Amino acid sequence: MSIFNKNKDKDTITLWKKEAERLERERNDLLDELNAIRQYKQQYENLITEVTRLKNNYEVLITQTKSISNEYKKKLQNAIK
């Protein structure tokens, strides 16, 4: 005996339809949330990539600054002598 064949009166059918509509709304809401989370994840990954790129650029700049600083120190020492 199937639950679908058990009750075919209008009240039961109406209840099933309302439940199906509620479940569909809930599913759509959850899909919207999932898509929002996916967008946040993509933004986060993009930020990580950008931060990594900036970090590498700053490391290069720091190395260059140290090199220039050392050069100036040497020139200053030579000028003082």
N, C-alpha and C. Protein backbone atom coordinates (compact mmCIF):
# COMPACT_ATOMS: atom_id res chain seq x y z
N MET A 1 0.84 -1.17 0.00
CA MET A 1 0.00 0.00 0.00
C MET A 1 0.90 1.25 0.00
N SER A 2 0.81 2.01 -1.04
CA SER A 2 1.63 3.20 -1.21
C SER A 2 0.99 4.39 -0.50
N ILE A 3 1.82 5.29 -0.01
CA ILE A 3 1.27 6.47 0.66
C ILE A 3 0.56 7.38 -0.34
N PHE A 4 0.92 7.26 -1.61
CA PHE A 4 0.29 8.10 -2.62
C PHE A 4 -1.10 7.60 -3.00
N ASN A 5 -1.32 6.33 -2.87
CA ASN A 5 -2.63 5.75 -3.20
C ASN A 5 -3.53 5.68 -1.97
N LYS A 6 -2.97 5.83 -0.81
CA LYS A 6 -3.71 5.65 0.42
C LYS A 6 -4.80 6.71 0.61
N ASN A 7 -4.44 7.95 0.41
CA ASN A 7 -5.39 9.03 0.63
C ASN A 7 -5.45 9.92 -0.60
N LYS A 8 -6.56 9.91 -1.25
CA LYS A 8 -6.72 10.74 -2.43
C LYS A 8 -7.75 11.84 -2.21
N ASP A 9 -8.11 12.10 -0.98
CA ASP A 9 -9.09 13.15 -0.74
C ASP A 9 -8.41 14.51 -0.92
N LYS A 10 -9.21 15.54 -1.10
CA LYS A 10 -8.71 16.88 -1.42
C LYS A 10 -7.85 17.47 -0.31
N ASP A 11 -8.19 17.21 0.93
CA ASP A 11 -7.41 17.75 2.05
C ASP A 11 -5.98 17.21 2.03
N THR A 12 -5.87 15.92 1.80
CA THR A 12 -4.55 15.30 1.77
C THR A 12 -3.74 15.84 0.60
N ILE A 13 -4.37 15.96 -0.54
CA ILE A 13 -3.68 16.49 -1.73
C ILE A 13 -3.24 17.93 -1.49
N THR A 14 -4.11 18.72 -0.87
CA THR A 14 -3.76 20.11 -0.56
C THR A 14 -2.57 20.16 0.40
N LEU A 15 -2.57 19.31 1.41
CA LEU A 15 -1.44 19.27 2.34
C LEU A 15 -0.14 18.89 1.64
N TRP A 16 -0.22 17.89 0.76
CA TRP A 16 0.97 17.47 0.01
C TRP A 16 1.49 18.61 -0.87
N LYS A 17 0.58 19.32 -1.51
CA LYS A 17 0.99 20.43 -2.36
C LYS A 17 1.64 21.55 -1.55
N LYS A 18 1.04 21.87 -0.40
CA LYS A 18 1.62 22.91 0.46
C LYS A 18 3.01 22.50 0.95
N GLU A 19 3.14 21.25 1.32
CA GLU A 19 4.44 20.75 1.78
C GLU A 19 5.46 20.78 0.64
N ALA A 20 5.05 20.40 -0.55
CA ALA A 20 5.94 20.45 -1.71
C ALA A 20 6.37 21.89 -2.00
N GLU A 21 5.45 22.83 -1.90
CA GLU A 21 5.79 24.24 -2.12
C GLU A 21 6.75 24.74 -1.05
N ARG A 22 6.52 24.35 0.20
CA ARG A 22 7.40 24.77 1.30
C ARG A 22 8.80 24.22 1.09
N LEU A 23 8.87 22.95 0.71
CA LEU A 23 10.17 22.32 0.48
C LEU A 23 10.89 22.97 -0.71
N GLU A 24 10.14 23.34 -1.73
CA GLU A 24 10.75 24.00 -2.89
C GLU A 24 11.29 25.38 -2.49
N ARG A 25 10.53 26.14 -1.70
CA ARG A 25 11.01 27.44 -1.22
C ARG A 25 12.27 27.28 -0.38
N GLU A 26 12.25 26.29 0.50
CA GLU A 26 13.40 26.03 1.35
C GLU A 26 14.62 25.66 0.51
N ARG A 27 14.41 24.82 -0.49
CA ARG A 27 15.49 24.41 -1.40
C ARG A 27 16.05 25.62 -2.13
N ASN A 28 15.18 26.49 -2.62
CA ASN A 28 15.63 27.68 -3.34
C ASN A 28 16.40 28.62 -2.42
N ASP A 29 15.94 28.77 -1.19
CA ASP A 29 16.64 29.61 -0.22
C ASP A 29 18.04 29.05 0.06
N LEU A 30 18.10 27.74 0.22
CA LEU A 30 19.40 27.11 0.49
C LEU A 30 20.34 27.21 -0.72
N LEU A 31 19.80 27.10 -1.90
CA LEU A 31 20.62 27.27 -3.10
C LEU A 31 21.16 28.69 -3.19
N ASP A 32 20.32 29.68 -2.85
CA ASP A 32 20.78 31.07 -2.83
C ASP A 32 21.92 31.25 -1.84
N GLU A 33 21.77 30.67 -0.66
CA GLU A 33 22.82 30.76 0.35
C GLU A 33 24.10 30.08 -0.13
N LEU A 34 23.95 28.93 -0.76
CA LEU A 34 25.11 28.20 -1.28
C LEU A 34 25.84 29.03 -2.34
N ASN A 35 25.09 29.66 -3.22
CA ASN A 35 25.70 30.49 -4.26
C ASN A 35 26.40 31.69 -3.64
N ALA A 36 25.82 32.28 -2.61
CA ALA A 36 26.46 33.40 -1.91
C ALA A 36 27.77 32.94 -1.27
N ILE A 37 27.75 31.78 -0.66
CA ILE A 37 28.96 31.23 -0.04
C ILE A 37 30.02 30.97 -1.11
N ARG A 38 29.63 30.45 -2.24
CA ARG A 38 30.58 30.22 -3.34
C ARG A 38 31.20 31.52 -3.81
N GLN A 39 30.40 32.59 -3.87
CA GLN A 39 30.93 33.89 -4.27
C GLN A 39 31.92 34.41 -3.23
N TYR A 40 31.59 34.26 -1.94
CA TYR A 40 32.51 34.68 -0.89
C TYR A 40 33.81 33.89 -0.97
N LYS A 41 33.68 32.60 -1.24
CA LYS A 41 34.87 31.76 -1.36
C LYS A 41 35.75 32.23 -2.51
N GLN A 42 35.14 32.55 -3.65
CA GLN A 42 35.91 33.03 -4.80
C GLN A 42 36.57 34.37 -4.48
N GLN A 43 35.85 35.26 -3.81
CA GLN A 43 36.43 36.55 -3.42
C GLN A 43 37.61 36.33 -2.47
N TYR A 44 37.45 35.41 -1.54
CA TYR A 44 38.51 35.10 -0.58
C TYR A 44 39.75 34.57 -1.31
N GLU A 45 39.54 33.66 -2.25
CA GLU A 45 40.66 33.11 -3.02
C GLU A 45 41.34 34.21 -3.84
N ASN A 46 40.55 35.12 -4.40
CA ASN A 46 41.12 36.24 -5.14
C ASN A 46 41.94 37.14 -4.23
N LEU A 47 41.44 37.38 -3.02
CA LEU A 47 42.18 38.19 -2.05
C LEU A 47 43.49 37.52 -1.66
N ILE A 48 43.46 36.22 -1.46
CA ILE A 48 44.69 35.49 -1.12
C ILE A 48 45.71 35.63 -2.24
N THR A 49 45.27 35.50 -3.47
CA THR A 49 46.16 35.65 -4.62
C THR A 49 46.74 37.05 -4.67
N GLU A 50 45.91 38.05 -4.46
CA GLU A 50 46.35 39.45 -4.48
C GLU A 50 47.34 39.72 -3.35
N VAL A 51 47.06 39.22 -2.16
CA VAL A 51 47.96 39.43 -1.02
C VAL A 51 49.31 38.75 -1.28
N THR A 52 49.28 37.57 -1.85
CA THR A 52 50.52 36.87 -2.17
C THR A 52 51.35 37.67 -3.18
N ARG A 53 50.69 38.22 -4.17
CA ARG A 53 51.37 39.03 -5.18
C ARG A 53 51.98 40.28 -4.53
N LEU A 54 51.19 40.95 -3.68
CA LEU A 54 51.70 42.13 -2.99
C LEU A 54 52.87 41.80 -2.07
N LYS A 55 52.77 40.68 -1.38
CA LYS A 55 53.85 40.24 -0.48
C LYS A 55 55.14 40.06 -1.27
N ASN A 56 55.04 39.40 -2.41
CA ASN A 56 56.23 39.19 -3.24
C ASN A 56 56.81 40.52 -3.72
N ASN A 57 55.93 41.44 -4.12
CA ASN A 57 56.40 42.76 -4.56
C ASN A 57 57.11 43.49 -3.42
N TYR A 58 56.53 43.45 -2.22
CA TYR A 58 57.15 44.11 -1.08
C TYR A 58 58.48 43.48 -0.71
N GLU A 59 58.58 42.16 -0.81
CA GLU A 59 59.86 41.51 -0.52
C GLU A 59 60.94 41.98 -1.48
N VAL A 60 60.59 42.14 -2.74
CA VAL A 60 61.54 42.65 -3.73
C VAL A 60 61.93 44.08 -3.37
N LEU A 61 60.95 44.91 -3.03
CA LEU A 61 61.23 46.30 -2.67
C LEU A 61 62.10 46.39 -1.41
N ILE A 62 61.83 45.55 -0.44
CA ILE A 62 62.64 45.54 0.78
C ILE A 62 64.08 45.17 0.46
N THR A 63 64.26 44.16 -0.38
CA THR A 63 65.60 43.75 -0.78
C THR A 63 66.31 44.89 -1.50
N GLN A 64 65.62 45.56 -2.40
CA GLN A 64 66.21 46.70 -3.12
C GLN A 64 66.57 47.83 -2.15
N THR A 65 65.69 48.10 -1.21
CA THR A 65 65.94 49.16 -0.23
C THR A 65 67.17 48.84 0.62
N LYS A 66 67.29 47.59 1.04
CA LYS A 66 68.46 47.18 1.82
C LYS A 66 69.73 47.34 1.00
N SER A 67 69.65 46.96 -0.26
CA SER A 67 70.81 47.09 -1.13
C SER A 67 71.22 48.55 -1.29
N ILE A 68 70.27 49.41 -1.54
CA ILE A 68 70.54 50.84 -1.68
C ILE A 68 71.11 51.40 -0.37
N SER A 69 70.54 50.99 0.75
CA SER A 69 71.01 51.44 2.05
C SER A 69 72.46 51.03 2.27
N ASN A 70 72.78 49.79 1.94
CA ASN A 70 74.16 49.31 2.09
C ASN A 70 75.11 50.10 1.19
N GLU A 71 74.68 50.38 -0.02
CA GLU A 71 75.50 51.18 -0.94
C GLU A 71 75.78 52.55 -0.35
N TYR A 72 74.77 53.21 0.16
CA TYR A 72 74.94 54.54 0.75
C TYR A 72 75.86 54.49 1.97
N LYS A 73 75.74 53.44 2.78
CA LYS A 73 76.63 53.30 3.94
C LYS A 73 78.08 53.19 3.49
N LYS A 74 78.32 52.38 2.44
CA LYS A 74 79.68 52.22 1.91
C LYS A 74 80.20 53.56 1.39
N LYS A 75 79.37 54.28 0.64
CA LYS A 75 79.80 55.57 0.09
C LYS A 75 80.05 56.57 1.21
N LEU A 76 79.22 56.53 2.25
CA LEU A 76 79.42 57.41 3.39
C LEU A 76 80.74 57.10 4.10
N GLN A 77 81.01 55.81 4.28
CA GLN A 77 82.26 55.39 4.92
C GLN A 77 83.46 55.84 4.09
N ASN A 78 83.36 55.71 2.76
CA ASN A 78 84.46 56.14 1.88
C ASN A 78 84.62 57.65 1.93
N ALA A 79 83.51 58.37 2.03
CA ALA A 79 83.56 59.83 2.07
C ALA A 79 84.15 60.31 3.40
N ILE A 80 83.90 59.59 4.47
CA ILE A 80 84.40 59.97 5.79
C ILE A 80 85.92 59.73 5.87
N LYS A 81 86.41 58.72 5.21
CA LYS A 81 87.84 58.37 5.28
C LYS A 81 88.64 59.39 4.64
